[in-house]
Amino acid sequence: MKKKTAILIMLLLPCAIFSQEEGKKKGQVELTNIPVQSQYSNRFKITNLYLNKRIDLGGKGEILEVEFVLQNLIDDPQDLYIFTIATYEKVEKTTSSFERPIPEKERIRSFVPFPYDLSNFQYPVRDESGNVKKDANGLEMVRLVKFPKDPKKGVDPNTDKPYHLKNKLVVRTTHLSPYRTNYFFFNNVVVLIFDSEGKPAYRQLFEIKGKRSR
């Protein structure tokens, strides 16, 4: 029987989009951030990024399409692993000390990666001794972080292999926001790219203030 876990969705601070926490269990370090020096690549660049909103044909909700062009900046072809993560994040409107802080578990209301595999973004919540915390029901607590545990799962859905960049490559991903009570759409997108060895190569956060419909 599969072990049940309790998921805790947490907001990653704007000044450090990726969590800096390291796992201390048995001396093991959990990498959950892309180093500053790897945020931008001199081997490729992203151009013509579009965020399109459309209705799901099955009536399940609304879909965010992320589309961009990768342009190769070197002579040799490159294999890349690519993820996009769409989220809806609540932030305090002011910095007033009289404003009630938003609870951590409510700061990110949705978390939809592409390719869709939530387990690849779930990290255990540990105490100061490195032990996994449990909730009131005895379930192990995990948090969702904008960094994949296995970067090599970010494959091209058309080939099930790494994205192969020769000169230019169009990348399209989709993210479903299901209809629900007090419905909300996404307001943030993160693009993560890893090289052929699974090492961080690029990250960029985009804030969605207006959506194109088609």
C-alpha atoms as a PDB file:
ATOM      1  CA  MET A   1       0.000   0.000   0.000  1.00  0.00           C
ATOM      2  CA  LYS A   2       1.354   3.420  -0.934  1.00  0.00           C
ATOM      3  CA  LYS A   3       2.501   5.635   1.902  1.00  0.00           C
ATOM      4  CA  LYS A   4       0.224   8.613   2.323  1.00  0.00           C
ATOM      5  CA  THR A   5       1.614  12.088   2.687  1.00  0.00           C
ATOM      6  CA  ALA A   6       0.205  15.481   3.559  1.00  0.00           C
ATOM      7  CA  ILE A   7       1.049  18.183   1.042  1.00  0.00           C
ATOM      8  CA  LEU A   8       1.967  21.643   2.261  1.00  0.00           C
ATOM      9  CA  ILE A   9       2.054  24.277  -0.481  1.00  0.00           C
ATOM     10  CA  MET A  10       4.416  27.120   0.386  1.00  0.00           C
ATOM     11  CA  LEU A  11       5.271  30.433  -1.259  1.00  0.00           C
ATOM     12  CA  LEU A  12       8.857  30.934  -2.314  1.00  0.00           C
ATOM     13  CA  LEU A  13      10.017  34.461  -1.424  1.00  0.00           C
ATOM     14  CA  PRO A  14      10.380  36.915  -4.359  1.00  0.00           C
ATOM     15  CA  CYS A  15      14.006  37.574  -3.444  1.00  0.00           C
ATOM     16  CA  ALA A  16      14.737  33.851  -3.563  1.00  0.00           C
ATOM     17  CA  ILE A  17      12.302  32.238  -5.968  1.00  0.00           C
ATOM     18  CA  PHE A  18      13.728  28.828  -5.238  1.00  0.00           C
ATOM     19  CA  SER A  19      13.887  27.579  -1.676  1.00  0.00           C
ATOM     20  CA  GLN A  20      17.333  27.625  -0.108  1.00  0.00           C
ATOM     21  CA  GLU A  21      16.564  24.913   2.433  1.00  0.00           C
ATOM     22  CA  GLU A  22      18.918  21.946   2.483  1.00  0.00           C
ATOM     23  CA  GLY A  23      17.983  18.493   3.672  1.00  0.00           C
ATOM     24  CA  LYS A  24      20.060  17.485   6.669  1.00  0.00           C
ATOM     25  CA  LYS A  25      18.807  13.928   6.995  1.00  0.00           C
ATOM     26  CA  LYS A  26      21.841  11.639   7.208  1.00  0.00           C
ATOM     27  CA  GLY A  27      24.027  14.409   5.835  1.00  0.00           C
ATOM     28  CA  GLN A  28      22.191  14.438   2.503  1.00  0.00           C
ATOM     29  CA  VAL A  29      21.792  17.813   0.791  1.00  0.00           C
ATOM     30  CA  GLU A  30      18.618  18.417  -1.211  1.00  0.00           C
ATOM     31  CA  LEU A  31      19.301  20.799  -4.083  1.00  0.00           C
ATOM     32  CA  THR A  32      16.205  22.961  -4.511  1.00  0.00           C
ATOM     33  CA  ASN A  33      17.582  26.077  -6.189  1.00  0.00           C
ATOM     34  CA  ILE A  34      19.298  27.200  -9.359  1.00  0.00           C
ATOM     35  CA  PRO A  35      22.500  29.098  -8.528  1.00  0.00           C
ATOM     36  CA  VAL A  36      22.519  32.791  -9.444  1.00  0.00           C
ATOM     37  CA  GLN A  37      25.318  32.257 -11.944  1.00  0.00           C
ATOM     38  CA  SER A  38      23.128  29.740 -13.823  1.00  0.00           C
ATOM     39  CA  GLN A  39      20.029  31.920 -14.148  1.00  0.00           C
ATOM     40  CA  TYR A  40      20.877  33.003 -17.673  1.00  0.00           C
ATOM     41  CA  SER A  41      22.630  31.051 -20.408  1.00  0.00           C
ATOM     42  CA  ASN A  42      25.100  32.187 -23.060  1.00  0.00           C
ATOM     43  CA  ARG A  43      24.395  28.994 -25.025  1.00  0.00           C
ATOM     44  CA  PHE A  44      20.786  29.784 -25.957  1.00  0.00           C
ATOM     45  CA  LYS A  45      18.164  32.481 -25.475  1.00  0.00           C
ATOM     46  CA  ILE A  46      14.379  32.663 -25.226  1.00  0.00           C
ATOM     47  CA  THR A  47      12.442  34.920 -27.584  1.00  0.00           C
ATOM     48  CA  ASN A  48       8.784  35.527 -28.455  1.00  0.00           C
ATOM     49  CA  LEU A  49       7.266  34.275 -25.220  1.00  0.00           C
ATOM     50  CA  TYR A  50       3.458  34.286 -25.252  1.00  0.00           C
ATOM     51  CA  LEU A  51       0.948  33.428 -22.539  1.00  0.00           C
ATOM     52  CA  ASN A  52      -2.428  32.431 -24.007  1.00  0.00           C
ATOM     53  CA  LYS A  53      -5.621  31.654 -22.121  1.00  0.00           C
ATOM     54  CA  ARG A  54      -8.285  29.354 -23.575  1.00  0.00           C
ATOM     55  CA  ILE A  55     -11.232  27.270 -22.429  1.00  0.00           C
ATOM     56  CA  ASP A  56     -10.735  23.539 -21.952  1.00  0.00           C
ATOM     57  CA  LEU A  57     -12.815  21.738 -24.582  1.00  0.00           C
ATOM     58  CA  GLY A  58     -13.912  19.180 -22.000  1.00  0.00           C
ATOM     59  CA  GLY A  59     -15.322  21.905 -19.761  1.00  0.00           C
ATOM     60  CA  LYS A  60     -12.933  21.175 -16.891  1.00  0.00           C
ATOM     61  CA  GLY A  61     -11.579  24.689 -16.570  1.00  0.00           C
ATOM     62  CA  GLU A  62      -9.306  27.191 -18.312  1.00  0.00           C
ATOM     63  CA  ILE A  63      -5.954  26.416 -19.872  1.00  0.00           C
ATOM     64  CA  LEU A  64      -2.820  28.524 -19.856  1.00  0.00           C
ATOM     65  CA  GLU A  65      -0.637  27.940 -22.911  1.00  0.00           C
ATOM     66  CA  VAL A  66       3.001  28.942 -22.578  1.00  0.00           C
ATOM     67  CA  GLU A  67       4.769  29.323 -25.910  1.00  0.00           C
ATOM     68  CA  PHE A  68       8.303  30.508 -26.615  1.00  0.00           C
ATOM     69  CA  VAL A  69      11.136  30.124 -29.099  1.00  0.00           C
ATOM     70  CA  LEU A  70      14.554  28.794 -28.107  1.00  0.00           C
ATOM     71  CA  GLN A  71      17.400  30.125 -30.219  1.00  0.00           C
ATOM     72  CA  ASN A  72      20.749  28.345 -30.274  1.00  0.00           C
ATOM     73  CA  LEU A  73      23.743  30.627 -29.650  1.00  0.00           C
ATOM     74  CA  ILE A  74      26.443  28.045 -30.343  1.00  0.00           C
ATOM     75  CA  ASP A  75      27.383  26.030 -33.429  1.00  0.00           C
ATOM     76  CA  ASP A  76      26.564  22.591 -32.026  1.00  0.00           C
ATOM     77  CA  PRO A  77      23.076  21.161 -31.384  1.00  0.00           C
ATOM     78  CA  GLN A  78      22.003  20.925 -27.741  1.00  0.00           C
ATOM     79  CA  ASP A  79      19.848  18.531 -25.752  1.00  0.00           C
ATOM     80  CA  LEU A  80      17.835  20.307 -23.058  1.00  0.00           C
ATOM     81  CA  TYR A  81      15.323  19.413 -20.349  1.00  0.00           C
ATOM     82  CA  ILE A  82      12.550  21.962 -19.953  1.00  0.00           C
ATOM     83  CA  PHE A  83       9.866  22.607 -17.329  1.00  0.00           C
ATOM     84  CA  THR A  84       7.267  25.337 -16.962  1.00  0.00           C
ATOM     85  CA  ILE A  85       5.350  25.785 -13.705  1.00  0.00           C
ATOM     86  CA  ALA A  86       2.148  27.836 -13.492  1.00  0.00           C
ATOM     87  CA  THR A  87       0.960  29.000 -10.075  1.00  0.00           C
ATOM     88  CA  TYR A  88      -1.579  31.265  -8.447  1.00  0.00           C
ATOM     89  CA  GLU A  89       0.116  33.099  -5.592  1.00  0.00           C
ATOM     90  CA  LYS A  90      -1.382  35.415  -2.990  1.00  0.00           C
ATOM     91  CA  VAL A  91       0.780  38.223  -1.655  1.00  0.00           C
ATOM     92  CA  GLU A  92       0.250  40.889   0.977  1.00  0.00           C
ATOM     93  CA  LYS A  93      -1.012  44.134  -0.561  1.00  0.00           C
ATOM     94  CA  THR A  94       1.017  46.311   1.781  1.00  0.00           C
ATOM     95  CA  THR A  95       3.887  46.065   4.228  1.00  0.00           C
ATOM     96  CA  SER A  96       1.837  47.514   7.073  1.00  0.00           C
ATOM     97  CA  SER A  97       2.394  45.877  10.442  1.00  0.00           C
ATOM     98  CA  PHE A  98      -1.373  46.037  10.946  1.00  0.00           C
ATOM     99  CA  GLU A  99      -2.069  43.817   7.948  1.00  0.00           C
ATOM    100  CA  ARG A 100      -2.784  40.193   8.741  1.00  0.00           C
ATOM    101  CA  PRO A 101      -0.073  37.969   7.219  1.00  0.00           C
ATOM    102  CA  ILE A 102      -1.144  35.308   4.727  1.00  0.00           C
ATOM    103  CA  PRO A 103      -0.601  31.806   6.185  1.00  0.00           C
ATOM    104  CA  GLU A 104       2.180  29.889   4.419  1.00  0.00           C
ATOM    105  CA  LYS A 105      -0.146  27.096   3.247  1.00  0.00           C
ATOM    106  CA  GLU A 106      -2.449  29.639   1.585  1.00  0.00           C
ATOM    107  CA  ARG A 107       0.156  31.648  -0.295  1.00  0.00           C
ATOM    108  CA  ILE A 108       0.226  29.329  -3.315  1.00  0.00           C
ATOM    109  CA  ARG A 109      -3.292  28.240  -4.228  1.00  0.00           C
ATOM    110  CA  SER A 110      -2.358  26.186  -7.304  1.00  0.00           C
ATOM    111  CA  PHE A 111       0.819  24.548  -8.603  1.00  0.00           C
ATOM    112  CA  VAL A 112       0.699  23.004 -12.091  1.00  0.00           C
ATOM    113  CA  PRO A 113       3.980  21.896 -13.691  1.00  0.00           C
ATOM    114  CA  PHE A 114       4.604  20.734 -17.252  1.00  0.00           C
ATOM    115  CA  PRO A 115       5.320  17.892 -17.689  1.00  0.00           C
ATOM    116  CA  TYR A 116       2.704  17.197 -15.029  1.00  0.00           C
ATOM    117  CA  ASP A 117       4.262  15.122 -12.252  1.00  0.00           C
ATOM    118  CA  LEU A 118       3.721  16.669  -8.823  1.00  0.00           C
ATOM    119  CA  SER A 119       5.854  14.021  -7.132  1.00  0.00           C
ATOM    120  CA  ASN A 120       8.871  15.438  -8.968  1.00  0.00           C
ATOM    121  CA  PHE A 121       8.409  18.705  -7.054  1.00  0.00           C
ATOM    122  CA  GLN A 122       7.538  17.331  -3.613  1.00  0.00           C
ATOM    123  CA  TYR A 123      10.155  17.664  -0.899  1.00  0.00           C
ATOM    124  CA  PRO A 124       9.837  16.463   2.705  1.00  0.00           C
ATOM    125  CA  VAL A 125       9.298  19.008   5.452  1.00  0.00           C
ATOM    126  CA  ARG A 126      11.984  18.361   8.058  1.00  0.00           C
ATOM    127  CA  ASP A 127      12.512  19.500  11.623  1.00  0.00           C
ATOM    128  CA  GLU A 128      15.787  20.881  12.996  1.00  0.00           C
ATOM    129  CA  SER A 129      17.089  17.340  13.486  1.00  0.00           C
ATOM    130  CA  GLY A 130      16.444  16.385   9.868  1.00  0.00           C
ATOM    131  CA  ASN A 131      13.448  14.158  10.612  1.00  0.00           C
ATOM    132  CA  VAL A 132      10.376  14.367   8.368  1.00  0.00           C
ATOM    133  CA  LYS A 133       7.538  16.207  10.085  1.00  0.00           C
ATOM    134  CA  LYS A 134       4.066  14.682  10.377  1.00  0.00           C
ATOM    135  CA  ASP A 135       0.680  16.360  10.558  1.00  0.00           C
ATOM    136  CA  ALA A 136      -2.043  15.808  13.158  1.00  0.00           C
ATOM    137  CA  ASN A 137      -3.146  12.635  11.330  1.00  0.00           C
ATOM    138  CA  GLY A 138       0.336  11.129  11.347  1.00  0.00           C
ATOM    139  CA  LEU A 139       0.919  11.732   7.618  1.00  0.00           C
ATOM    140  CA  GLU A 140       4.373  12.752   6.438  1.00  0.00           C
ATOM    141  CA  MET A 141       4.406  16.381   5.348  1.00  0.00           C
ATOM    142  CA  VAL A 142       5.807  17.451   1.986  1.00  0.00           C
ATOM    143  CA  ARG A 143       6.082  20.832   0.312  1.00  0.00           C
ATOM    144  CA  LEU A 144       5.927  21.803  -3.355  1.00  0.00           C
ATOM    145  CA  VAL A 145       9.034  23.590  -4.617  1.00  0.00           C
ATOM    146  CA  LYS A 146       9.679  25.138  -8.027  1.00  0.00           C
ATOM    147  CA  PHE A 147      12.594  22.823  -8.696  1.00  0.00           C
ATOM    148  CA  PRO A 148      12.397  19.202  -9.984  1.00  0.00           C
ATOM    149  CA  LYS A 149      13.989  16.380  -8.044  1.00  0.00           C
ATOM    150  CA  ASP A 150      14.777  14.711 -11.375  1.00  0.00           C
ATOM    151  CA  PRO A 151      15.587  17.353 -14.041  1.00  0.00           C
ATOM    152  CA  LYS A 152      15.769  14.673 -16.737  1.00  0.00           C
ATOM    153  CA  LYS A 153      12.002  14.222 -16.596  1.00  0.00           C
ATOM    154  CA  GLY A 154      11.582  17.498 -18.485  1.00  0.00           C
ATOM    155  CA  VAL A 155      11.391  15.778 -21.875  1.00  0.00           C
ATOM    156  CA  ASP A 156       9.737  16.710 -25.160  1.00  0.00           C
ATOM    157  CA  PRO A 157       6.239  15.103 -25.068  1.00  0.00           C
ATOM    158  CA  ASN A 158       6.444  14.467 -28.821  1.00  0.00           C
ATOM    159  CA  THR A 159       9.543  12.270 -28.527  1.00  0.00           C
ATOM    160  CA  ASP A 160       9.824  11.364 -24.816  1.00  0.00           C
ATOM    161  CA  LYS A 161      13.436  12.465 -25.189  1.00  0.00           C
ATOM    162  CA  PRO A 162      15.266  15.703 -24.306  1.00  0.00           C
ATOM    163  CA  TYR A 163      14.319  18.747 -26.373  1.00  0.00           C
ATOM    164  CA  HIS A 164      16.786  18.847 -29.279  1.00  0.00           C
ATOM    165  CA  LEU A 165      17.839  22.380 -30.179  1.00  0.00           C
ATOM    166  CA  LYS A 166      19.618  22.820 -33.514  1.00  0.00           C
ATOM    167  CA  ASN A 167      18.975  26.392 -34.636  1.00  0.00           C
ATOM    168  CA  LYS A 168      15.525  27.344 -33.342  1.00  0.00           C
ATOM    169  CA  LEU A 169      12.919  25.366 -31.458  1.00  0.00           C
ATOM    170  CA  VAL A 170       9.312  26.270 -30.589  1.00  0.00           C
ATOM    171  CA  VAL A 171       8.264  25.038 -27.135  1.00  0.00           C
ATOM    172  CA  ARG A 172       4.596  24.842 -26.089  1.00  0.00           C
ATOM    173  CA  THR A 173       3.280  23.755 -22.697  1.00  0.00           C
ATOM    174  CA  THR A 174      -0.213  23.696 -21.172  1.00  0.00           C
ATOM    175  CA  HIS A 175      -1.509  24.145 -17.627  1.00  0.00           C
ATOM    176  CA  LEU A 176      -5.106  23.467 -16.543  1.00  0.00           C
ATOM    177  CA  SER A 177      -6.795  25.615 -13.892  1.00  0.00           C
ATOM    178  CA  PRO A 178      -9.918  23.595 -12.926  1.00  0.00           C
ATOM    179  CA  TYR A 179     -13.221  25.326 -12.257  1.00  0.00           C
ATOM    180  CA  ARG A 180     -13.931  25.525  -8.530  1.00  0.00           C
ATOM    181  CA  THR A 181     -15.692  27.625  -5.911  1.00  0.00           C
ATOM    182  CA  ASN A 182     -14.056  31.070  -5.708  1.00  0.00           C
ATOM    183  CA  TYR A 183     -12.364  30.376  -9.055  1.00  0.00           C
ATOM    184  CA  PHE A 184      -8.938  31.874  -9.808  1.00  0.00           C
ATOM    185  CA  PHE A 185      -6.558  31.637 -12.758  1.00  0.00           C
ATOM    186  CA  PHE A 186      -2.763  31.553 -12.738  1.00  0.00           C
ATOM    187  CA  ASN A 187      -0.749  34.711 -12.068  1.00  0.00           C
ATOM    188  CA  ASN A 188       2.851  33.406 -12.259  1.00  0.00           C
ATOM    189  CA  VAL A 189       4.876  31.203 -14.611  1.00  0.00           C
ATOM    190  CA  VAL A 190       8.417  29.918 -14.145  1.00  0.00           C
ATOM    191  CA  VAL A 191      10.561  28.554 -16.986  1.00  0.00           C
ATOM    192  CA  LEU A 192      13.338  26.144 -15.958  1.00  0.00           C
ATOM    193  CA  ILE A 193      15.879  24.687 -18.380  1.00  0.00           C
ATOM    194  CA  PHE A 194      18.575  22.097 -17.671  1.00  0.00           C
ATOM    195  CA  ASP A 195      21.439  20.982 -19.906  1.00  0.00           C
ATOM    196  CA  SER A 196      22.041  17.483 -21.272  1.00  0.00           C
ATOM    197  CA  GLU A 197      23.612  16.407 -17.964  1.00  0.00           C
ATOM    198  CA  GLY A 198      20.663  17.691 -15.938  1.00  0.00           C
ATOM    199  CA  LYS A 199      22.578  20.714 -14.645  1.00  0.00           C
ATOM    200  CA  PRO A 200      20.753  24.067 -14.215  1.00  0.00           C
ATOM    201  CA  ALA A 201      21.086  26.284 -17.286  1.00  0.00           C
ATOM    202  CA  TYR A 202      18.286  28.869 -17.115  1.00  0.00           C
ATOM    203  CA  ARG A 203      15.395  30.144 -15.005  1.00  0.00           C
ATOM    204  CA  GLN A 204      13.007  33.045 -15.396  1.00  0.00           C
ATOM    205  CA  LEU A 205       9.847  34.105 -13.584  1.00  0.00           C
ATOM    206  CA  PHE A 206       6.998  35.787 -15.468  1.00  0.00           C
ATOM    207  CA  GLU A 207       4.107  37.557 -13.758  1.00  0.00           C
ATOM    208  CA  ILE A 208       0.746  37.250 -15.522  1.00  0.00           C
ATOM    209  CA  LYS A 209      -1.097  40.559 -15.386  1.00  0.00           C
ATOM    210  CA  GLY A 210      -3.106  40.157 -18.576  1.00  0.00           C
ATOM    211  CA  LYS A 211      -3.958  37.050 -20.608  1.00  0.00           C
ATOM    212  CA  ARG A 212      -4.516  36.719 -24.321  1.00  0.00           C
ATOM    213  CA  SER A 213      -7.525  34.585 -25.242  1.00  0.00           C
ATOM    214  CA  ARG A 214      -7.870  32.620 -28.414  1.00  0.00           C
END
